Amino acid sequence: MAQLERFAEFTGSAHGVDGVVTRMRALGAGFPSGDGVGVFNRVYLSVTEEVVRHLDDGRFPDAGAAVTLDVLFAERYLTAVETVAADRRPPACWRPLFQLRRHPGVRPLQFALAGINAHIGHDLPLAVVDACRTLGCEPADLEDEFDRVGDILVSLEERIREDLMPGPDLFQIADPLTHLLGSWSLERARDSAWATALALRALRELPAVADEFQGRLDGAVGLVGRMLLTPLPD
C-alpha cells in the first residue's frame, strides 16, 4: 500500500510529468533573453514534452516506472534552480552554468550542452537510484525506461545543435566552438550515467563510500561543464 501511495505522488497532475512541464514553463517565462539557464530550460522542456507524448502513445514498457524516473530526474534540476534562487550553492555539476549564465563570450549551444552534461552526468544516475528506492526495484528493472528516455535525448540532440549552432560562416572546421563541441558526446554521457547508477546501487550497503563516490562524480561533471562553457571570441 505504501508503494502505491508513493507512486500516486508521481502520477497526479500536480506532481507528475504534467506538473514538471508546468513548472518549467513558469521558469521559462521568467528568464531574461540570453540567460544560459533559460537556454537549457527550453531544451529540457522540449525533451520533457516529448516524454509526455511517448507516455500518451503508450511507447514506454512500464509507464509507471517511466513517470517515476522522469519526475525524480527533473526534480534534481528544479531543485538546483530553487537552491540558487534562495542564494544557496547548488551541486558542483550545476555551478558553472549558473556562474556563467550571462557571460557574453559563451554561445547558446554551450549553455545547452553544459546543462545536459550536468543533468545526464550527475542527476540521471542519482535519479535511477532514487527511483529504485521509491519503487523497490533494481536498475535492471528500469533499463528499458532509461533507454527510451535516452533515445529521446539522442533524437533531439541533432535538432538542438542545428537550432543553436551559429550560422554557416562561423561553422568552420578550425572554429573553436566546433572543436569544443566535438569533445563531448551525449551517447558516452548516457552510457556513463548507467554504469554510475549500477555502481551507486551496488554501494548502498556502504553509505560512506557511496557518498564519497557521489561527491567525486559531482566535481568531475562540474569540471567538464566548466570546459564546455569556455568563453570564445566572436
C-alpha atoms as a PDB file:
ATOM      1  CA  MET A   1       0.000   0.000   0.000  1.00  0.00           C
ATOM      2  CA  ALA A   2       2.818   2.436   0.878  1.00  0.00           C
ATOM      3  CA  GLN A   3       4.419   1.859  -2.536  1.00  0.00           C
ATOM      4  CA  LEU A   4       1.098   2.504  -4.295  1.00  0.00           C
ATOM      5  CA  GLU A   5       0.630   5.732  -2.328  1.00  0.00           C
ATOM      6  CA  ARG A   6       4.165   6.795  -3.201  1.00  0.00           C
ATOM      7  CA  PHE A   7       3.567   6.050  -6.874  1.00  0.00           C
ATOM      8  CA  ALA A   8       0.392   8.157  -6.780  1.00  0.00           C
ATOM      9  CA  GLU A   9       2.504  11.187  -5.894  1.00  0.00           C
ATOM     10  CA  PHE A  10       4.250  10.916  -9.259  1.00  0.00           C
ATOM     11  CA  THR A  11       1.184  10.240 -11.385  1.00  0.00           C
ATOM     12  CA  GLY A  12      -1.042  13.025 -10.033  1.00  0.00           C
ATOM     13  CA  SER A  13      -1.302  16.152 -12.179  1.00  0.00           C
ATOM     14  CA  ALA A  14       0.373  18.350  -9.556  1.00  0.00           C
ATOM     15  CA  HIS A  15       3.358  16.062  -9.012  1.00  0.00           C
ATOM     16  CA  GLY A  16       3.629  14.048 -12.221  1.00  0.00           C
ATOM     17  CA  VAL A  17       5.207  14.860 -15.549  1.00  0.00           C
ATOM     18  CA  ASP A  18       2.481  17.409 -16.307  1.00  0.00           C
ATOM     19  CA  GLY A  19       3.415  19.204 -13.095  1.00  0.00           C
ATOM     20  CA  VAL A  20       7.075  19.217 -14.128  1.00  0.00           C
ATOM     21  CA  VAL A  21       6.168  20.701 -17.516  1.00  0.00           C
ATOM     22  CA  THR A  22       4.091  23.411 -15.826  1.00  0.00           C
ATOM     23  CA  ARG A  23       6.967  24.356 -13.527  1.00  0.00           C
ATOM     24  CA  MET A  24       9.460  24.502 -16.408  1.00  0.00           C
ATOM     25  CA  ARG A  25       7.145  26.709 -18.443  1.00  0.00           C
ATOM     26  CA  ALA A  26       6.729  29.061 -15.489  1.00  0.00           C
ATOM     27  CA  LEU A  27      10.502  29.218 -15.059  1.00  0.00           C
ATOM     28  CA  GLY A  28      10.989  29.877 -18.756  1.00  0.00           C
ATOM     29  CA  ALA A  29       8.690  32.887 -18.628  1.00  0.00           C
ATOM     30  CA  GLY A  30      10.915  34.483 -16.005  1.00  0.00           C
ATOM     31  CA  PHE A  31      14.329  34.076 -17.637  1.00  0.00           C
ATOM     32  CA  PRO A  32      15.662  37.170 -19.428  1.00  0.00           C
ATOM     33  CA  SER A  33      16.728  36.882 -23.058  1.00  0.00           C
ATOM     34  CA  GLY A  34      20.107  35.203 -23.460  1.00  0.00           C
ATOM     35  CA  ASP A  35      20.167  33.721 -19.960  1.00  0.00           C
ATOM     36  CA  GLY A  36      22.166  30.478 -20.096  1.00  0.00           C
ATOM     37  CA  VAL A  37      19.939  28.650 -17.620  1.00  0.00           C
ATOM     38  CA  GLY A  38      16.957  29.760 -19.685  1.00  0.00           C
ATOM     39  CA  VAL A  39      18.568  28.233 -22.789  1.00  0.00           C
ATOM     40  CA  PHE A  40      18.892  24.885 -21.034  1.00  0.00           C
ATOM     41  CA  ASN A  41      15.380  25.167 -19.595  1.00  0.00           C
ATOM     42  CA  ARG A  42      13.926  25.497 -23.110  1.00  0.00           C
ATOM     43  CA  VAL A  43      15.854  22.431 -24.259  1.00  0.00           C
ATOM     44  CA  TYR A  44      14.841  20.375 -21.244  1.00  0.00           C
ATOM     45  CA  LEU A  45      11.220  21.455 -21.583  1.00  0.00           C
ATOM     46  CA  SER A  46      11.152  20.193 -25.173  1.00  0.00           C
ATOM     47  CA  VAL A  47      12.594  16.860 -24.036  1.00  0.00           C
ATOM     48  CA  THR A  48      10.032  16.518 -21.245  1.00  0.00           C
ATOM     49  CA  GLU A  49       7.178  17.371 -23.599  1.00  0.00           C
ATOM     50  CA  GLU A  50       8.441  14.628 -25.910  1.00  0.00           C
ATOM     51  CA  VAL A  51       8.450  12.188 -22.975  1.00  0.00           C
ATOM     52  CA  VAL A  52       4.804  13.131 -22.300  1.00  0.00           C
ATOM     53  CA  ARG A  53       3.916  12.373 -25.916  1.00  0.00           C
ATOM     54  CA  HIS A  54       5.610   8.975 -25.669  1.00  0.00           C
ATOM     55  CA  LEU A  55       3.712   8.251 -22.460  1.00  0.00           C
ATOM     56  CA  ASP A  56       0.420   9.228 -24.093  1.00  0.00           C
ATOM     57  CA  ASP A  57       1.211   6.983 -27.069  1.00  0.00           C
ATOM     58  CA  GLY A  58       1.997   4.024 -24.808  1.00  0.00           C
ATOM     59  CA  ARG A  59       5.584   3.732 -26.029  1.00  0.00           C
ATOM     60  CA  PHE A  60       7.069   3.083 -22.583  1.00  0.00           C
ATOM     61  CA  PRO A  61       7.016  -0.588 -21.488  1.00  0.00           C
ATOM     62  CA  ASP A  62       6.185   0.433 -17.901  1.00  0.00           C
ATOM     63  CA  ALA A  63       4.518   3.839 -17.810  1.00  0.00           C
ATOM     64  CA  GLY A  64       4.515   3.997 -14.018  1.00  0.00           C
ATOM     65  CA  ALA A  65       8.254   3.394 -13.793  1.00  0.00           C
ATOM     66  CA  ALA A  66       8.881   5.884 -16.598  1.00  0.00           C
ATOM     67  CA  VAL A  67       6.874   8.605 -14.836  1.00  0.00           C
ATOM     68  CA  THR A  68       8.646   7.983 -11.540  1.00  0.00           C
ATOM     69  CA  LEU A  69      12.088   8.106 -13.140  1.00  0.00           C
ATOM     70  CA  ASP A  70      11.285  11.190 -15.205  1.00  0.00           C
ATOM     71  CA  VAL A  71       9.864  13.175 -12.277  1.00  0.00           C
ATOM     72  CA  LEU A  72      12.713  12.297  -9.909  1.00  0.00           C
ATOM     73  CA  PHE A  73      15.153  13.199 -12.683  1.00  0.00           C
ATOM     74  CA  ALA A  74      13.517  16.577 -13.320  1.00  0.00           C
ATOM     75  CA  GLU A  75      13.313  17.371  -9.616  1.00  0.00           C
ATOM     76  CA  ARG A  76      17.096  17.456  -9.375  1.00  0.00           C
ATOM     77  CA  TYR A  77      17.318  20.250 -11.967  1.00  0.00           C
ATOM     78  CA  LEU A  78      14.366  22.135 -10.482  1.00  0.00           C
ATOM     79  CA  THR A  79      15.902  21.851  -7.018  1.00  0.00           C
ATOM     80  CA  ALA A  80      19.171  23.306  -8.338  1.00  0.00           C
ATOM     81  CA  VAL A  81      17.252  26.306  -9.715  1.00  0.00           C
ATOM     82  CA  GLU A  82      15.412  26.790  -6.413  1.00  0.00           C
ATOM     83  CA  THR A  83      18.680  26.475  -4.484  1.00  0.00           C
ATOM     84  CA  VAL A  84      20.299  29.277  -6.477  1.00  0.00           C
ATOM     85  CA  ALA A  85      17.163  31.434  -6.183  1.00  0.00           C
ATOM     86  CA  ALA A  86      17.478  31.082  -2.407  1.00  0.00           C
ATOM     87  CA  ASP A  87      21.131  32.256  -2.558  1.00  0.00           C
ATOM     88  CA  ARG A  88      22.496  28.831  -1.685  1.00  0.00           C
ATOM     89  CA  ARG A  89      25.139  26.802  -3.527  1.00  0.00           C
ATOM     90  CA  PRO A  90      23.840  24.206  -5.983  1.00  0.00           C
ATOM     91  CA  PRO A  91      25.677  20.923  -6.645  1.00  0.00           C
ATOM     92  CA  ALA A  92      29.114  21.397  -8.200  1.00  0.00           C
ATOM     93  CA  CYS A  93      27.909  19.999 -11.527  1.00  0.00           C
ATOM     94  CA  TRP A  94      25.478  22.928 -11.911  1.00  0.00           C
ATOM     95  CA  ARG A  95      27.690  25.756 -10.641  1.00  0.00           C
ATOM     96  CA  PRO A  96      29.472  26.572 -13.948  1.00  0.00           C
ATOM     97  CA  LEU A  97      26.165  27.088 -15.756  1.00  0.00           C
ATOM     98  CA  PHE A  98      24.762  29.349 -13.050  1.00  0.00           C
ATOM     99  CA  GLN A  99      28.029  31.266 -12.672  1.00  0.00           C
ATOM    100  CA  LEU A 100      28.491  31.883 -16.414  1.00  0.00           C
ATOM    101  CA  ARG A 101      24.830  32.143 -17.410  1.00  0.00           C
ATOM    102  CA  ARG A 102      25.213  35.774 -18.578  1.00  0.00           C
ATOM    103  CA  HIS A 103      28.765  35.667 -19.953  1.00  0.00           C
ATOM    104  CA  PRO A 104      28.795  37.363 -23.378  1.00  0.00           C
ATOM    105  CA  GLY A 105      31.519  35.055 -24.700  1.00  0.00           C
ATOM    106  CA  VAL A 106      29.536  31.837 -24.185  1.00  0.00           C
ATOM    107  CA  ARG A 107      27.301  30.695 -27.062  1.00  0.00           C
ATOM    108  CA  PRO A 108      23.744  29.354 -26.557  1.00  0.00           C
ATOM    109  CA  LEU A 109      24.725  25.856 -27.651  1.00  0.00           C
ATOM    110  CA  GLN A 110      27.418  25.784 -24.963  1.00  0.00           C
ATOM    111  CA  PHE A 111      24.820  26.653 -22.317  1.00  0.00           C
ATOM    112  CA  ALA A 112      22.526  23.893 -23.570  1.00  0.00           C
ATOM    113  CA  LEU A 113      25.230  21.226 -23.588  1.00  0.00           C
ATOM    114  CA  ALA A 114      26.615  22.274 -20.200  1.00  0.00           C
ATOM    115  CA  GLY A 115      23.149  21.827 -18.716  1.00  0.00           C
ATOM    116  CA  ILE A 116      22.696  18.475 -20.422  1.00  0.00           C
ATOM    117  CA  ASN A 117      26.126  17.414 -19.171  1.00  0.00           C
ATOM    118  CA  ALA A 118      25.199  18.257 -15.551  1.00  0.00           C
ATOM    119  CA  HIS A 119      21.797  16.632 -15.788  1.00  0.00           C
ATOM    120  CA  ILE A 120      22.885  13.446 -17.561  1.00  0.00           C
ATOM    121  CA  GLY A 121      26.298  13.020 -15.968  1.00  0.00           C
ATOM    122  CA  HIS A 122      25.258  13.644 -12.368  1.00  0.00           C
ATOM    123  CA  ASP A 123      21.482  13.856 -11.937  1.00  0.00           C
ATOM    124  CA  LEU A 124      20.427  10.919 -14.101  1.00  0.00           C
ATOM    125  CA  PRO A 125      22.317   8.146 -12.266  1.00  0.00           C
ATOM    126  CA  LEU A 126      21.134   9.548  -8.934  1.00  0.00           C
ATOM    127  CA  ALA A 127      17.571   9.644 -10.247  1.00  0.00           C
ATOM    128  CA  VAL A 128      17.834   5.974 -11.234  1.00  0.00           C
ATOM    129  CA  VAL A 129      18.925   5.123  -7.679  1.00  0.00           C
ATOM    130  CA  ASP A 130      16.111   7.303  -6.280  1.00  0.00           C
ATOM    131  CA  ALA A 131      13.592   5.501  -8.488  1.00  0.00           C
ATOM    132  CA  CYS A 132      14.885   2.091  -7.399  1.00  0.00           C
ATOM    133  CA  ARG A 133      14.453   3.124  -3.784  1.00  0.00           C
ATOM    134  CA  THR A 134      10.963   4.513  -4.431  1.00  0.00           C
ATOM    135  CA  LEU A 135       9.697   1.545  -6.443  1.00  0.00           C
ATOM    136  CA  GLY A 136      11.570  -1.152  -4.526  1.00  0.00           C
ATOM    137  CA  CYS A 137      13.321  -2.420  -7.640  1.00  0.00           C
ATOM    138  CA  GLU A 138      16.804  -2.730  -9.161  1.00  0.00           C
ATOM    139  CA  PRO A 139      18.331  -0.711 -12.034  1.00  0.00           C
ATOM    140  CA  ALA A 140      17.808  -3.632 -14.408  1.00  0.00           C
ATOM    141  CA  ASP A 141      14.054  -3.233 -13.903  1.00  0.00           C
ATOM    142  CA  LEU A 142      14.310   0.362 -15.183  1.00  0.00           C
ATOM    143  CA  GLU A 143      16.680  -0.252 -18.067  1.00  0.00           C
ATOM    144  CA  ASP A 144      14.001  -0.132 -20.771  1.00  0.00           C
ATOM    145  CA  GLU A 145      12.663   3.164 -19.440  1.00  0.00           C
ATOM    146  CA  PHE A 146      16.187   4.549 -19.103  1.00  0.00           C
ATOM    147  CA  ASP A 147      16.938   3.593 -22.711  1.00  0.00           C
ATOM    148  CA  ARG A 148      13.717   5.123 -24.033  1.00  0.00           C
ATOM    149  CA  VAL A 149      14.416   8.454 -22.323  1.00  0.00           C
ATOM    150  CA  GLY A 150      17.996   8.315 -23.627  1.00  0.00           C
ATOM    151  CA  ASP A 151      16.756   7.638 -27.155  1.00  0.00           C
ATOM    152  CA  ILE A 152      14.522  10.721 -26.959  1.00  0.00           C
ATOM    153  CA  LEU A 153      17.507  12.824 -25.913  1.00  0.00           C
ATOM    154  CA  VAL A 154      19.667  11.484 -28.737  1.00  0.00           C
ATOM    155  CA  SER A 155      16.929  12.076 -31.307  1.00  0.00           C
ATOM    156  CA  LEU A 156      16.643  15.690 -30.183  1.00  0.00           C
ATOM    157  CA  GLU A 157      20.382  16.355 -29.921  1.00  0.00           C
ATOM    158  CA  GLU A 158      20.866  16.953 -33.647  1.00  0.00           C
ATOM    159  CA  ARG A 159      17.930  19.358 -33.710  1.00  0.00           C
ATOM    160  CA  ILE A 160      19.313  21.189 -30.667  1.00  0.00           C
ATOM    161  CA  ARG A 161      22.694  21.595 -32.348  1.00  0.00           C
ATOM    162  CA  GLU A 162      21.096  22.832 -35.571  1.00  0.00           C
ATOM    163  CA  ASP A 163      18.861  25.326 -33.761  1.00  0.00           C
ATOM    164  CA  LEU A 164      21.599  26.767 -31.551  1.00  0.00           C
ATOM    165  CA  MET A 165      24.716  26.485 -33.730  1.00  0.00           C
ATOM    166  CA  PRO A 166      25.915  29.799 -35.202  1.00  0.00           C
ATOM    167  CA  GLY A 167      25.484  30.389 -38.930  1.00  0.00           C
ATOM    168  CA  PRO A 168      27.492  28.591 -41.647  1.00  0.00           C
ATOM    169  CA  ASP A 169      30.037  31.394 -41.803  1.00  0.00           C
ATOM    170  CA  LEU A 170      31.113  30.551 -38.234  1.00  0.00           C
ATOM    171  CA  PHE A 171      30.840  26.788 -38.559  1.00  0.00           C
ATOM    172  CA  GLN A 172      34.347  26.107 -39.829  1.00  0.00           C
ATOM    173  CA  ILE A 173      36.446  23.061 -39.039  1.00  0.00           C
ATOM    174  CA  ALA A 174      39.031  25.269 -37.293  1.00  0.00           C
ATOM    175  CA  ASP A 175      36.447  27.226 -35.307  1.00  0.00           C
ATOM    176  CA  PRO A 176      36.998  26.872 -31.531  1.00  0.00           C
ATOM    177  CA  LEU A 177      33.297  26.105 -30.959  1.00  0.00           C
ATOM    178  CA  THR A 178      33.428  23.186 -33.388  1.00  0.00           C
ATOM    179  CA  HIS A 179      36.476  21.811 -31.614  1.00  0.00           C
ATOM    180  CA  LEU A 180      34.929  22.278 -28.171  1.00  0.00           C
ATOM    181  CA  LEU A 181      31.628  20.614 -29.005  1.00  0.00           C
ATOM    182  CA  GLY A 182      33.393  17.668 -30.593  1.00  0.00           C
ATOM    183  CA  SER A 183      34.936  16.837 -27.215  1.00  0.00           C
ATOM    184  CA  TRP A 184      31.600  15.880 -25.627  1.00  0.00           C
ATOM    185  CA  SER A 185      29.202  13.082 -26.541  1.00  0.00           C
ATOM    186  CA  LEU A 186      25.659  12.506 -25.323  1.00  0.00           C
ATOM    187  CA  GLU A 187      25.932   8.799 -26.113  1.00  0.00           C
ATOM    188  CA  ARG A 188      29.040   8.424 -23.946  1.00  0.00           C
ATOM    189  CA  ALA A 189      27.481  10.508 -21.179  1.00  0.00           C
ATOM    190  CA  ARG A 190      24.394   8.292 -21.199  1.00  0.00           C
ATOM    191  CA  ASP A 191      26.474   5.099 -21.051  1.00  0.00           C
ATOM    192  CA  SER A 192      28.484   6.522 -18.182  1.00  0.00           C
ATOM    193  CA  ALA A 193      25.300   7.506 -16.330  1.00  0.00           C
ATOM    194  CA  TRP A 194      24.012   3.942 -16.484  1.00  0.00           C
ATOM    195  CA  ALA A 195      27.312   2.483 -15.255  1.00  0.00           C
ATOM    196  CA  THR A 196      27.348   5.055 -12.443  1.00  0.00           C
ATOM    197  CA  ALA A 197      23.804   4.142 -11.399  1.00  0.00           C
ATOM    198  CA  LEU A 198      24.790   0.471 -11.195  1.00  0.00           C
ATOM    199  CA  ALA A 199      27.826   1.352  -9.075  1.00  0.00           C
ATOM    200  CA  LEU A 200      25.871   3.591  -6.704  1.00  0.00           C
ATOM    201  CA  ARG A 201      23.174   0.977  -6.249  1.00  0.00           C
ATOM    202  CA  ALA A 202      25.816  -1.658  -5.513  1.00  0.00           C
ATOM    203  CA  LEU A 203      27.311   0.653  -2.874  1.00  0.00           C
ATOM    204  CA  ARG A 204      24.058   1.157  -0.961  1.00  0.00           C
ATOM    205  CA  GLU A 205      25.352  -1.011   1.902  1.00  0.00           C
ATOM    206  CA  LEU A 206      28.468   1.177   2.105  1.00  0.00           C
ATOM    207  CA  PRO A 207      26.995   4.670   2.577  1.00  0.00           C
ATOM    208  CA  ALA A 208      30.299   6.398   3.363  1.00  0.00           C
ATOM    209  CA  VAL A 209      31.849   5.033   0.170  1.00  0.00           C
ATOM    210  CA  ALA A 210      28.727   5.904  -1.823  1.00  0.00           C
ATOM    211  CA  ASP A 211      28.802   9.493  -0.519  1.00  0.00           C
ATOM    212  CA  GLU A 212      32.471   9.852  -1.442  1.00  0.00           C
ATOM    213  CA  PHE A 213      31.807   8.408  -4.900  1.00  0.00           C
ATOM    214  CA  GLN A 214      28.877  10.762  -5.427  1.00  0.00           C
ATOM    215  CA  GLY A 215      30.890  13.787  -4.321  1.00  0.00           C
ATOM    216  CA  ARG A 216      33.714  12.934  -6.710  1.00  0.00           C
ATOM    217  CA  LEU A 217      31.188  12.437  -9.510  1.00  0.00           C
ATOM    218  CA  ASP A 218      29.649  15.842  -8.821  1.00  0.00           C
ATOM    219  CA  GLY A 219      33.022  17.567  -9.020  1.00  0.00           C
ATOM    220  CA  ALA A 220      34.122  15.732 -12.167  1.00  0.00           C
ATOM    221  CA  VAL A 221      30.911  16.535 -14.033  1.00  0.00           C
ATOM    222  CA  GLY A 222      31.238  20.153 -12.947  1.00  0.00           C
ATOM    223  CA  LEU A 223      34.761  20.284 -14.369  1.00  0.00           C
ATOM    224  CA  VAL A 224      33.502  19.057 -17.757  1.00  0.00           C
ATOM    225  CA  GLY A 225      30.734  21.659 -17.623  1.00  0.00           C
ATOM    226  CA  ARG A 226      33.228  24.439 -16.978  1.00  0.00           C
ATOM    227  CA  MET A 227      35.258  23.381 -20.009  1.00  0.00           C
ATOM    228  CA  LEU A 228      32.140  23.287 -22.182  1.00  0.00           C
ATOM    229  CA  LEU A 229      31.465  26.875 -21.110  1.00  0.00           C
ATOM    230  CA  THR A 230      34.881  28.190 -22.134  1.00  0.00           C
ATOM    231  CA  PRO A 231      34.250  31.762 -23.412  1.00  0.00           C
ATOM    232  CA  LEU A 232      35.023  32.046 -27.110  1.00  0.00           C
ATOM    233  CA  PRO A 233      35.892  35.022 -29.323  1.00  0.00           C
ATOM    234  CA  ASP A 234      33.277  36.403 -31.705  1.00  0.00           C
END
